[in-house]
Amino acid sequence: MKSKQELRLEYKTKRCQLSLEEETALNEQLLSRFTKLDLSGVEFLHIFIPIGKYHEPNTYLIINYVQEFFPQIKIVVSRSNFDDYSMQHFILDEHTLFEMNSWGIPEPISGIKVASSVIDMIIVPLLIFDLFGYRVGYGKGFYDRFFSSCKVGVQRVGLSFFNPIDVIADKNEYDVQLTKAITPDQIYHFFDDK
């Protein structure tokens, strides 16, 4: 078993070692899997904007898919506050303006704010996850804090280029399980908060 810190280093490295062709193919497979999700009860879909230098999954493919085939779904993106590790959420539309923050993350700087309590599904960034639905992120705790402010039943869907490991050695009581995780190979179902 490996710790979060060991896994963080390992999977950051693995993502950076992917060729452009491999990354493109994996992104297309993730999109294909995403299209199998039931979005019928989703009114507000929260999604992360990918950080290019970290080789995160290309969520623009999912955004474009949802905008084309589910125009009634409101897509929500966030701005992070590094002083208290909180997030503000904004509707993504043609008027949303972005700028790079000090960490190189594109974030909305204006738009229509929404409360985390209205969000139905969250597409969650991660480096790797385990067979119990626990994830390794970048270690700041933004998403675990965000999850705690959401309604019961919110779907937490991780995106990963890699299949899960057996177990994360040092998960703790603040870690929140995913309800699902999507890899290029399959969709993993953990549980639904209902």
N, C-alpha and C. Protein backbone atom coordinates (compact mmCIF):
# COMPACT_ATOMS: atom_id res chain seq x y z
N MET A 1 0.85 -1.19 0.00
CA MET A 1 0.00 0.00 0.00
C MET A 1 0.88 1.25 0.00
N LYS A 2 0.43 2.24 -0.75
CA LYS A 2 1.19 3.49 -0.83
C LYS A 2 0.40 4.64 -0.23
N SER A 3 1.14 5.62 0.25
CA SER A 3 0.52 6.81 0.83
C SER A 3 0.06 7.76 -0.28
N LYS A 4 -0.76 8.73 0.10
CA LYS A 4 -1.21 9.74 -0.85
C LYS A 4 -0.02 10.46 -1.49
N GLN A 5 0.97 10.80 -0.67
CA GLN A 5 2.12 11.54 -1.20
C GLN A 5 2.88 10.70 -2.24
N GLU A 6 3.06 9.42 -1.95
CA GLU A 6 3.73 8.53 -2.91
C GLU A 6 2.91 8.40 -4.19
N LEU A 7 1.61 8.24 -4.03
CA LEU A 7 0.73 8.10 -5.19
C LEU A 7 0.66 9.39 -6.01
N ARG A 8 0.67 10.52 -5.31
CA ARG A 8 0.64 11.82 -5.98
C ARG A 8 1.84 11.95 -6.92
N LEU A 9 3.00 11.64 -6.41
CA LEU A 9 4.23 11.74 -7.20
C LEU A 9 4.20 10.74 -8.36
N GLU A 10 3.79 9.52 -8.07
CA GLU A 10 3.78 8.47 -9.09
C GLU A 10 2.84 8.81 -10.24
N TYR A 11 1.63 9.25 -9.91
CA TYR A 11 0.65 9.46 -10.97
C TYR A 11 0.79 10.81 -11.67
N LYS A 12 1.37 11.79 -11.01
CA LYS A 12 1.75 13.01 -11.74
C LYS A 12 2.77 12.66 -12.81
N THR A 13 3.73 11.84 -12.43
CA THR A 13 4.78 11.42 -13.37
C THR A 13 4.18 10.61 -14.51
N LYS A 14 3.30 9.67 -14.18
CA LYS A 14 2.69 8.82 -15.22
C LYS A 14 1.92 9.66 -16.23
N ARG A 15 1.18 10.66 -15.73
CA ARG A 15 0.43 11.51 -16.66
C ARG A 15 1.36 12.29 -17.58
N CYS A 16 2.45 12.81 -17.01
CA CYS A 16 3.39 13.59 -17.81
C CYS A 16 4.12 12.75 -18.85
N GLN A 17 4.20 11.45 -18.61
CA GLN A 17 4.90 10.56 -19.54
C GLN A 17 4.03 10.11 -20.71
N LEU A 18 2.74 10.43 -20.67
CA LEU A 18 1.86 10.06 -21.79
C LEU A 18 2.23 10.89 -23.02
N SER A 19 2.26 10.23 -24.16
CA SER A 19 2.48 10.98 -25.39
C SER A 19 1.20 11.73 -25.75
N LEU A 20 1.31 12.69 -26.64
CA LEU A 20 0.13 13.45 -27.07
C LEU A 20 -0.91 12.51 -27.68
N GLU A 21 -0.44 11.53 -28.46
CA GLU A 21 -1.36 10.57 -29.08
C GLU A 21 -2.08 9.73 -28.02
N GLU A 22 -1.32 9.28 -27.02
CA GLU A 22 -1.93 8.49 -25.95
C GLU A 22 -2.95 9.33 -25.18
N GLU A 23 -2.58 10.54 -24.85
CA GLU A 23 -3.47 11.41 -24.09
C GLU A 23 -4.74 11.71 -24.88
N THR A 24 -4.60 11.97 -26.17
CA THR A 24 -5.76 12.24 -27.02
C THR A 24 -6.70 11.04 -27.05
N ALA A 25 -6.13 9.85 -27.20
CA ALA A 25 -6.95 8.64 -27.25
C ALA A 25 -7.65 8.39 -25.91
N LEU A 26 -6.93 8.60 -24.81
CA LEU A 26 -7.53 8.39 -23.48
C LEU A 26 -8.66 9.39 -23.23
N ASN A 27 -8.48 10.64 -23.66
CA ASN A 27 -9.53 11.64 -23.51
C ASN A 27 -10.77 11.27 -24.30
N GLU A 28 -10.58 10.74 -25.49
CA GLU A 28 -11.73 10.33 -26.31
C GLU A 28 -12.46 9.16 -25.66
N GLN A 29 -11.69 8.24 -25.05
CA GLN A 29 -12.31 7.10 -24.36
C GLN A 29 -13.08 7.57 -23.11
N LEU A 30 -12.51 8.54 -22.38
CA LEU A 30 -13.22 9.08 -21.22
C LEU A 30 -14.54 9.71 -21.65
N LEU A 31 -14.52 10.48 -22.73
CA LEU A 31 -15.75 11.09 -23.23
C LEU A 31 -16.76 10.01 -23.60
N SER A 32 -16.31 8.97 -24.28
CA SER A 32 -17.20 7.89 -24.68
C SER A 32 -17.86 7.26 -23.46
N ARG A 33 -17.10 7.04 -22.41
CA ARG A 33 -17.66 6.48 -21.16
C ARG A 33 -18.64 7.48 -20.53
N PHE A 34 -18.26 8.75 -20.52
CA PHE A 34 -19.13 9.76 -19.91
C PHE A 34 -20.51 9.77 -20.57
N THR A 35 -20.56 9.55 -21.88
CA THR A 35 -21.84 9.59 -22.59
C THR A 35 -22.78 8.48 -22.13
N LYS A 36 -22.27 7.50 -21.40
CA LYS A 36 -23.11 6.40 -20.89
C LYS A 36 -23.78 6.76 -19.56
N LEU A 37 -23.39 7.88 -18.93
CA LEU A 37 -24.00 8.27 -17.66
C LEU A 37 -25.43 8.74 -17.87
N ASP A 38 -26.27 8.48 -16.88
CA ASP A 38 -27.64 8.97 -16.90
C ASP A 38 -27.65 10.41 -16.38
N LEU A 39 -27.92 11.35 -17.26
CA LEU A 39 -27.95 12.77 -16.89
C LEU A 39 -29.37 13.30 -16.74
N SER A 40 -30.34 12.40 -16.70
CA SER A 40 -31.74 12.84 -16.72
C SER A 40 -32.12 13.69 -15.51
N GLY A 41 -31.52 13.46 -14.35
CA GLY A 41 -31.88 14.24 -13.18
C GLY A 41 -30.94 15.39 -12.89
N VAL A 42 -30.06 15.68 -13.84
CA VAL A 42 -29.02 16.69 -13.60
C VAL A 42 -29.47 18.04 -14.17
N GLU A 43 -29.58 19.03 -13.30
CA GLU A 43 -29.87 20.40 -13.74
C GLU A 43 -28.60 21.26 -13.68
N PHE A 44 -27.77 21.04 -12.65
CA PHE A 44 -26.51 21.77 -12.50
C PHE A 44 -25.37 20.77 -12.46
N LEU A 45 -24.47 20.87 -13.43
CA LEU A 45 -23.31 19.98 -13.55
C LEU A 45 -22.05 20.79 -13.29
N HIS A 46 -21.36 20.47 -12.22
CA HIS A 46 -20.10 21.16 -11.89
C HIS A 46 -18.95 20.40 -12.55
N ILE A 47 -18.06 21.13 -13.20
CA ILE A 47 -16.94 20.48 -13.88
C ILE A 47 -15.69 21.33 -13.71
N PHE A 48 -14.55 20.67 -13.63
CA PHE A 48 -13.30 21.41 -13.51
C PHE A 48 -12.75 21.76 -14.89
N ILE A 49 -12.07 22.88 -14.96
CA ILE A 49 -11.36 23.28 -16.18
C ILE A 49 -9.95 22.67 -16.09
N PRO A 50 -9.51 21.94 -17.12
CA PRO A 50 -8.25 21.21 -16.99
C PRO A 50 -7.03 22.12 -16.94
N ILE A 51 -6.06 21.69 -16.13
CA ILE A 51 -4.78 22.38 -16.05
C ILE A 51 -3.84 21.70 -17.03
N GLY A 52 -3.52 22.40 -18.11
CA GLY A 52 -2.73 21.80 -19.19
C GLY A 52 -1.38 21.27 -18.73
N LYS A 53 -0.70 22.02 -17.89
CA LYS A 53 0.65 21.61 -17.50
C LYS A 53 0.63 20.35 -16.63
N TYR A 54 -0.51 20.03 -16.03
CA TYR A 54 -0.65 18.81 -15.22
C TYR A 54 -1.23 17.64 -16.02
N HIS A 55 -1.48 17.88 -17.31
CA HIS A 55 -2.02 16.83 -18.19
C HIS A 55 -3.30 16.23 -17.62
N GLU A 56 -4.17 17.11 -17.12
CA GLU A 56 -5.46 16.63 -16.62
C GLU A 56 -6.35 16.21 -17.78
N PRO A 57 -7.33 15.33 -17.52
CA PRO A 57 -8.28 14.97 -18.57
C PRO A 57 -8.92 16.22 -19.19
N ASN A 58 -9.11 16.16 -20.49
CA ASN A 58 -9.64 17.30 -21.23
C ASN A 58 -11.15 17.40 -21.06
N THR A 59 -11.57 18.13 -20.04
CA THR A 59 -13.00 18.26 -19.75
C THR A 59 -13.74 19.13 -20.75
N TYR A 60 -13.01 19.85 -21.60
CA TYR A 60 -13.70 20.63 -22.64
C TYR A 60 -14.50 19.71 -23.56
N LEU A 61 -14.03 18.48 -23.74
CA LEU A 61 -14.78 17.52 -24.56
C LEU A 61 -16.14 17.22 -23.93
N ILE A 62 -16.15 17.06 -22.61
CA ILE A 62 -17.40 16.81 -21.90
C ILE A 62 -18.29 18.04 -21.92
N ILE A 63 -17.69 19.20 -21.70
CA ILE A 63 -18.46 20.45 -21.74
C ILE A 63 -19.15 20.61 -23.09
N ASN A 64 -18.41 20.40 -24.16
CA ASN A 64 -18.98 20.54 -25.51
C ASN A 64 -20.10 19.52 -25.74
N TYR A 65 -19.89 18.30 -25.26
CA TYR A 65 -20.91 17.25 -25.41
C TYR A 65 -22.19 17.65 -24.68
N VAL A 66 -22.07 18.08 -23.44
CA VAL A 66 -23.25 18.46 -22.65
C VAL A 66 -23.95 19.66 -23.28
N GLN A 67 -23.19 20.65 -23.71
CA GLN A 67 -23.80 21.83 -24.32
C GLN A 67 -24.56 21.47 -25.59
N GLU A 68 -24.06 20.49 -26.34
CA GLU A 68 -24.72 20.12 -27.59
C GLU A 68 -25.94 19.25 -27.36
N PHE A 69 -25.82 18.24 -26.49
CA PHE A 69 -26.87 17.24 -26.37
C PHE A 69 -27.79 17.44 -25.16
N PHE A 70 -27.36 18.23 -24.19
CA PHE A 70 -28.17 18.51 -23.00
C PHE A 70 -28.16 20.00 -22.70
N PRO A 71 -28.65 20.81 -23.64
CA PRO A 71 -28.57 22.27 -23.47
C PRO A 71 -29.33 22.78 -22.25
N GLN A 72 -30.23 21.97 -21.70
CA GLN A 72 -30.98 22.40 -20.50
C GLN A 72 -30.12 22.32 -19.24
N ILE A 73 -29.01 21.58 -19.28
CA ILE A 73 -28.13 21.46 -18.11
C ILE A 73 -27.26 22.71 -18.00
N LYS A 74 -27.23 23.27 -16.81
CA LYS A 74 -26.36 24.43 -16.56
C LYS A 74 -25.00 23.91 -16.09
N ILE A 75 -23.95 24.30 -16.79
CA ILE A 75 -22.59 23.89 -16.43
C ILE A 75 -22.02 24.92 -15.46
N VAL A 76 -21.41 24.42 -14.40
CA VAL A 76 -20.88 25.27 -13.33
C VAL A 76 -19.37 25.04 -13.23
N VAL A 77 -18.62 26.15 -13.11
CA VAL A 77 -17.17 26.10 -12.92
C VAL A 77 -16.82 26.92 -11.68
N SER A 78 -15.62 26.71 -11.16
CA SER A 78 -15.27 27.32 -9.87
C SER A 78 -14.04 28.21 -9.92
N ARG A 79 -14.00 29.07 -8.92
CA ARG A 79 -12.81 29.86 -8.61
C ARG A 79 -12.40 29.49 -7.19
N SER A 80 -11.10 29.25 -6.99
CA SER A 80 -10.60 28.80 -5.69
C SER A 80 -10.04 29.97 -4.89
N ASN A 81 -10.28 29.91 -3.59
CA ASN A 81 -9.71 30.88 -2.67
C ASN A 81 -8.63 30.17 -1.86
N PHE A 82 -7.36 30.50 -2.12
CA PHE A 82 -6.25 29.79 -1.48
C PHE A 82 -6.01 30.28 -0.05
N ASP A 83 -6.74 31.30 0.38
CA ASP A 83 -6.61 31.74 1.78
C ASP A 83 -7.35 30.80 2.73
N ASP A 84 -8.53 30.35 2.30
CA ASP A 84 -9.31 29.46 3.18
C ASP A 84 -9.69 28.14 2.50
N TYR A 85 -9.15 27.89 1.31
CA TYR A 85 -9.39 26.65 0.56
C TYR A 85 -10.86 26.43 0.25
N SER A 86 -11.57 27.53 0.01
CA SER A 86 -12.97 27.44 -0.39
C SER A 86 -13.08 27.68 -1.90
N MET A 87 -14.28 27.46 -2.42
CA MET A 87 -14.52 27.63 -3.85
C MET A 87 -15.81 28.43 -4.05
N GLN A 88 -15.80 29.31 -5.06
CA GLN A 88 -17.02 29.99 -5.51
C GLN A 88 -17.39 29.40 -6.85
N HIS A 89 -18.68 29.29 -7.10
CA HIS A 89 -19.16 28.58 -8.29
C HIS A 89 -19.94 29.53 -9.20
N PHE A 90 -19.70 29.38 -10.51
CA PHE A 90 -20.30 30.26 -11.51
C PHE A 90 -20.86 29.45 -12.67
N ILE A 91 -21.99 29.91 -13.21
CA ILE A 91 -22.53 29.32 -14.43
C ILE A 91 -21.57 29.60 -15.58
N LEU A 92 -21.28 28.58 -16.37
CA LEU A 92 -20.44 28.75 -17.55
C LEU A 92 -21.35 29.06 -18.74
N ASP A 93 -21.19 30.25 -19.30
CA ASP A 93 -21.93 30.62 -20.50
C ASP A 93 -21.05 31.49 -21.38
N GLU A 94 -21.63 32.04 -22.43
CA GLU A 94 -20.83 32.80 -23.40
C GLU A 94 -20.25 34.08 -22.81
N HIS A 95 -20.76 34.52 -21.67
CA HIS A 95 -20.28 35.75 -21.05
C HIS A 95 -19.21 35.52 -19.99
N THR A 96 -18.95 34.26 -19.65
CA THR A 96 -17.99 33.96 -18.57
C THR A 96 -16.57 34.33 -19.01
N LEU A 97 -15.91 35.12 -18.19
CA LEU A 97 -14.52 35.51 -18.46
C LEU A 97 -13.59 34.73 -17.55
N PHE A 98 -12.46 34.30 -18.13
CA PHE A 98 -11.48 33.52 -17.37
C PHE A 98 -10.15 34.26 -17.32
N GLU A 99 -9.40 33.96 -16.25
CA GLU A 99 -8.01 34.37 -16.19
C GLU A 99 -7.23 33.30 -15.45
N MET A 100 -5.92 33.25 -15.67
CA MET A 100 -5.07 32.28 -14.98
C MET A 100 -4.79 32.78 -13.56
N ASN A 101 -4.96 31.91 -12.57
CA ASN A 101 -4.58 32.30 -11.22
C ASN A 101 -3.08 32.06 -11.03
N SER A 102 -2.60 32.30 -9.83
CA SER A 102 -1.15 32.20 -9.59
C SER A 102 -0.63 30.77 -9.71
N TRP A 103 -1.53 29.79 -9.69
CA TRP A 103 -1.13 28.38 -9.82
C TRP A 103 -1.23 27.90 -11.27
N GLY A 104 -1.59 28.81 -12.17
CA GLY A 104 -1.72 28.42 -13.58
C GLY A 104 -3.03 27.74 -13.90
N ILE A 105 -4.04 27.96 -13.05
CA ILE A 105 -5.35 27.34 -13.25
C ILE A 105 -6.29 28.38 -13.84
N PRO A 106 -6.92 28.08 -14.99
CA PRO A 106 -7.89 29.03 -15.54
C PRO A 106 -9.15 29.07 -14.67
N GLU A 107 -9.56 30.28 -14.26
CA GLU A 107 -10.70 30.42 -13.37
C GLU A 107 -11.62 31.54 -13.84
N PRO A 108 -12.93 31.39 -13.57
CA PRO A 108 -13.86 32.47 -13.93
C PRO A 108 -13.62 33.68 -13.02
N ILE A 109 -13.68 34.85 -13.60
CA ILE A 109 -13.52 36.07 -12.80
C ILE A 109 -14.82 36.85 -12.70
N SER A 110 -15.85 36.40 -13.41
CA SER A 110 -17.15 37.04 -13.32
C SER A 110 -18.20 36.04 -13.77
N GLY A 111 -19.45 36.40 -13.55
CA GLY A 111 -20.52 35.53 -13.99
C GLY A 111 -21.61 35.40 -12.95
N ILE A 112 -22.55 34.50 -13.21
CA ILE A 112 -23.67 34.27 -12.32
C ILE A 112 -23.25 33.25 -11.28
N LYS A 113 -23.25 33.66 -10.01
CA LYS A 113 -22.86 32.75 -8.92
C LYS A 113 -24.00 31.78 -8.63
N VAL A 114 -23.60 30.56 -8.25
CA VAL A 114 -24.58 29.57 -7.80
C VAL A 114 -24.09 28.96 -6.48
N ALA A 115 -25.03 28.54 -5.65
CA ALA A 115 -24.69 27.90 -4.39
C ALA A 115 -24.33 26.44 -4.63
N SER A 116 -23.41 25.92 -3.85
CA SER A 116 -23.03 24.51 -3.99
C SER A 116 -24.22 23.59 -3.71
N SER A 117 -25.19 24.07 -2.96
CA SER A 117 -26.34 23.24 -2.58
C SER A 117 -27.26 22.90 -3.74
N VAL A 118 -27.13 23.58 -4.88
CA VAL A 118 -28.00 23.28 -6.02
C VAL A 118 -27.37 22.28 -6.99
N ILE A 119 -26.10 21.99 -6.82
CA ILE A 119 -25.37 21.16 -7.79
C ILE A 119 -25.79 19.70 -7.66
N ASP A 120 -26.05 19.08 -8.82
CA ASP A 120 -26.52 17.69 -8.86
C ASP A 120 -25.41 16.69 -9.13
N MET A 121 -24.42 17.10 -9.92
CA MET A 121 -23.31 16.22 -10.27
C MET A 121 -22.03 17.03 -10.33
N ILE A 122 -20.95 16.45 -9.78
CA ILE A 122 -19.64 17.09 -9.79
C ILE A 122 -18.67 16.17 -10.53
N ILE A 123 -18.03 16.69 -11.56
CA ILE A 123 -16.95 15.96 -12.22
C ILE A 123 -15.67 16.34 -11.49
N VAL A 124 -15.05 15.36 -10.87
CA VAL A 124 -14.01 15.59 -9.87
C VAL A 124 -12.61 15.30 -10.45
N PRO A 125 -11.69 16.25 -10.30
CA PRO A 125 -10.31 15.97 -10.71
C PRO A 125 -9.63 15.07 -9.69
N LEU A 126 -8.71 14.25 -10.16
CA LEU A 126 -7.95 13.39 -9.27
C LEU A 126 -6.71 12.89 -10.00
N LEU A 127 -5.80 12.34 -9.23
CA LEU A 127 -4.62 11.69 -9.81
C LEU A 127 -4.83 10.19 -9.91
N ILE A 128 -5.39 9.60 -8.86
CA ILE A 128 -5.72 8.17 -8.85
C ILE A 128 -6.79 7.96 -7.79
N PHE A 129 -7.49 6.84 -7.87
CA PHE A 129 -8.50 6.49 -6.88
C PHE A 129 -8.35 5.01 -6.54
N ASP A 130 -9.03 4.60 -5.46
CA ASP A 130 -8.93 3.19 -5.09
C ASP A 130 -10.27 2.49 -5.29
N LEU A 131 -10.29 1.19 -5.02
CA LEU A 131 -11.47 0.38 -5.29
C LEU A 131 -12.64 0.69 -4.35
N PHE A 132 -12.39 1.53 -3.33
CA PHE A 132 -13.45 1.94 -2.41
C PHE A 132 -14.00 3.32 -2.75
N GLY A 133 -13.46 3.94 -3.82
CA GLY A 133 -13.96 5.25 -4.24
C GLY A 133 -13.27 6.42 -3.58
N TYR A 134 -12.17 6.17 -2.88
CA TYR A 134 -11.39 7.28 -2.33
C TYR A 134 -10.38 7.74 -3.36
N ARG A 135 -10.10 9.05 -3.36
CA ARG A 135 -9.26 9.63 -4.39
C ARG A 135 -8.03 10.31 -3.81
N VAL A 136 -7.03 10.42 -4.67
CA VAL A 136 -5.86 11.25 -4.35
C VAL A 136 -5.91 12.44 -5.28
N GLY A 137 -6.01 13.64 -4.68
CA GLY A 137 -5.98 14.87 -5.45
C GLY A 137 -4.62 15.53 -5.26
N TYR A 138 -4.63 16.86 -5.29
CA TYR A 138 -3.36 17.58 -5.17
C TYR A 138 -3.01 17.93 -3.72
N GLY A 139 -3.88 17.55 -2.78
CA GLY A 139 -3.52 17.65 -1.38
C GLY A 139 -3.96 18.91 -0.65
N LYS A 140 -4.74 19.76 -1.30
CA LYS A 140 -5.17 21.01 -0.65
C LYS A 140 -6.53 20.89 0.02
N GLY A 141 -7.30 19.87 -0.35
CA GLY A 141 -8.59 19.65 0.30
C GLY A 141 -9.75 20.47 -0.22
N PHE A 142 -9.56 21.16 -1.35
CA PHE A 142 -10.64 21.99 -1.89
C PHE A 142 -11.92 21.19 -2.11
N TYR A 143 -11.78 20.04 -2.77
CA TYR A 143 -12.98 19.28 -3.15
C TYR A 143 -13.64 18.61 -1.96
N ASP A 144 -12.88 18.12 -1.00
CA ASP A 144 -13.51 17.53 0.18
C ASP A 144 -14.31 18.57 0.94
N ARG A 145 -13.80 19.81 1.03
CA ARG A 145 -14.57 20.89 1.67
C ARG A 145 -15.82 21.21 0.84
N PHE A 146 -15.65 21.26 -0.47
CA PHE A 146 -16.77 21.53 -1.37
C PHE A 146 -17.86 20.46 -1.19
N PHE A 147 -17.46 19.18 -1.18
CA PHE A 147 -18.44 18.10 -1.03
C PHE A 147 -19.29 18.29 0.23
N SER A 148 -18.65 18.73 1.30
CA SER A 148 -19.37 18.84 2.57
C SER A 148 -20.45 19.92 2.54
N SER A 149 -20.38 20.82 1.57
CA SER A 149 -21.38 21.89 1.46
C SER A 149 -22.48 21.55 0.46
N CYS A 150 -22.38 20.39 -0.17
CA CYS A 150 -23.37 20.00 -1.18
C CYS A 150 -24.52 19.23 -0.56
N LYS A 151 -25.60 19.12 -1.33
CA LYS A 151 -26.77 18.41 -0.83
C LYS A 151 -26.51 16.90 -0.78
N VAL A 152 -27.26 16.23 0.05
CA VAL A 152 -27.22 14.77 0.08
C VAL A 152 -27.67 14.26 -1.28
N GLY A 153 -26.96 13.29 -1.81
CA GLY A 153 -27.33 12.74 -3.10
C GLY A 153 -26.57 13.32 -4.27
N VAL A 154 -25.73 14.34 -4.03
CA VAL A 154 -24.94 14.87 -5.15
C VAL A 154 -24.04 13.76 -5.68
N GLN A 155 -23.96 13.65 -6.99
CA GLN A 155 -23.11 12.63 -7.60
C GLN A 155 -21.69 13.18 -7.72
N ARG A 156 -20.72 12.42 -7.23
CA ARG A 156 -19.31 12.80 -7.28
C ARG A 156 -18.62 11.83 -8.22
N VAL A 157 -18.30 12.30 -9.43
CA VAL A 157 -17.81 11.44 -10.50
C VAL A 157 -16.36 11.79 -10.81
N GLY A 158 -15.45 10.89 -10.47
CA GLY A 158 -14.04 11.11 -10.75
C GLY A 158 -13.69 10.78 -12.18
N LEU A 159 -12.68 11.47 -12.71
CA LEU A 159 -12.15 11.20 -14.05
C LEU A 159 -10.69 10.80 -13.91
N SER A 160 -10.34 9.65 -14.45
CA SER A 160 -8.96 9.18 -14.33
C SER A 160 -8.50 8.49 -15.62
N PHE A 161 -7.27 8.79 -16.02
CA PHE A 161 -6.67 8.07 -17.14
C PHE A 161 -6.29 6.65 -16.75
N PHE A 162 -6.23 6.38 -15.43
CA PHE A 162 -5.68 5.12 -14.94
C PHE A 162 -6.71 4.34 -14.14
N ASN A 163 -6.61 3.02 -14.21
CA ASN A 163 -7.49 2.15 -13.44
C ASN A 163 -7.15 2.27 -11.95
N PRO A 164 -8.09 1.92 -11.07
CA PRO A 164 -7.87 2.13 -9.64
C PRO A 164 -6.79 1.23 -9.06
N ILE A 165 -6.23 1.71 -7.95
CA ILE A 165 -5.36 0.87 -7.14
C ILE A 165 -6.25 0.16 -6.11
N ASP A 166 -5.70 -0.79 -5.39
CA ASP A 166 -6.51 -1.54 -4.41
C ASP A 166 -6.99 -0.65 -3.27
N VAL A 167 -6.06 0.06 -2.63
CA VAL A 167 -6.43 0.86 -1.47
C VAL A 167 -5.39 1.96 -1.24
N ILE A 168 -5.85 3.11 -0.79
CA ILE A 168 -4.96 4.21 -0.40
C ILE A 168 -4.62 4.01 1.08
N ALA A 169 -3.34 4.00 1.39
CA ALA A 169 -2.90 3.63 2.74
C ALA A 169 -3.34 4.60 3.82
N ASP A 170 -3.33 5.89 3.53
CA ASP A 170 -3.54 6.87 4.59
C ASP A 170 -4.78 7.74 4.40
N LYS A 171 -5.88 7.14 3.95
CA LYS A 171 -7.11 7.93 3.90
C LYS A 171 -7.53 8.27 5.33
N ASN A 172 -8.32 9.34 5.48
CA ASN A 172 -8.73 9.77 6.82
C ASN A 172 -10.20 10.15 6.84
N GLU A 173 -10.68 10.58 8.01
CA GLU A 173 -12.12 10.83 8.17
C GLU A 173 -12.61 12.02 7.36
N TYR A 174 -11.71 12.85 6.84
CA TYR A 174 -12.12 14.00 6.04
C TYR A 174 -12.26 13.66 4.56
N ASP A 175 -11.76 12.51 4.16
CA ASP A 175 -11.84 12.10 2.77
C ASP A 175 -13.27 11.65 2.45
N VAL A 176 -13.78 12.12 1.32
CA VAL A 176 -15.14 11.80 0.91
C VAL A 176 -15.07 10.88 -0.31
N GLN A 177 -15.83 9.80 -0.27
CA GLN A 177 -15.83 8.86 -1.38
C GLN A 177 -16.52 9.44 -2.61
N LEU A 178 -16.04 9.00 -3.76
CA LEU A 178 -16.74 9.25 -5.01
C LEU A 178 -17.97 8.35 -5.06
N THR A 179 -18.96 8.74 -5.84
CA THR A 179 -20.07 7.82 -6.11
C THR A 179 -19.77 6.99 -7.36
N LYS A 180 -19.01 7.59 -8.28
CA LYS A 180 -18.60 6.88 -9.50
C LYS A 180 -17.21 7.37 -9.91
N ALA A 181 -16.55 6.58 -10.72
CA ALA A 181 -15.30 7.03 -11.35
C ALA A 181 -15.28 6.50 -12.77
N ILE A 182 -14.81 7.35 -13.66
CA ILE A 182 -14.73 6.99 -15.08
C ILE A 182 -13.26 6.85 -15.44
N THR A 183 -12.92 5.71 -16.04
CA THR A 183 -11.61 5.51 -16.64
C THR A 183 -11.83 5.22 -18.12
N PRO A 184 -10.77 5.19 -18.92
CA PRO A 184 -10.95 4.83 -20.32
C PRO A 184 -11.56 3.43 -20.50
N ASP A 185 -11.38 2.55 -19.51
CA ASP A 185 -11.84 1.17 -19.63
C ASP A 185 -13.26 0.92 -19.14
N GLN A 186 -13.68 1.65 -18.09
CA GLN A 186 -15.01 1.37 -17.55
C GLN A 186 -15.46 2.48 -16.59
N ILE A 187 -16.73 2.35 -16.18
CA ILE A 187 -17.29 3.21 -15.14
C ILE A 187 -17.38 2.38 -13.87
N TYR A 188 -16.80 2.89 -12.79
CA TYR A 188 -16.85 2.23 -11.49
C TYR A 188 -17.97 2.87 -10.67
N HIS A 189 -18.80 2.04 -10.04
CA HIS A 189 -19.89 2.51 -9.20
C HIS A 189 -19.57 2.16 -7.76
N PHE A 190 -19.62 3.14 -6.88
CA PHE A 190 -19.30 2.88 -5.47
C PHE A 190 -20.57 2.84 -4.63
N PHE A 191 -21.29 3.89 -4.56
CA PHE A 191 -22.58 3.94 -3.88
C PHE A 191 -23.25 5.22 -4.30
N ASP A 192 -24.52 5.34 -3.99
CA ASP A 192 -25.26 6.59 -4.26
C ASP A 192 -25.85 7.07 -2.95
N ASP A 193 -25.58 8.33 -2.63
CA ASP A 193 -26.14 8.96 -1.41
C ASP A 193 -27.61 9.30 -1.65
N LYS A 194 -28.47 8.36 -1.39
CA LYS A 194 -29.89 8.67 -1.61
C LYS A 194 -30.70 8.21 -0.45
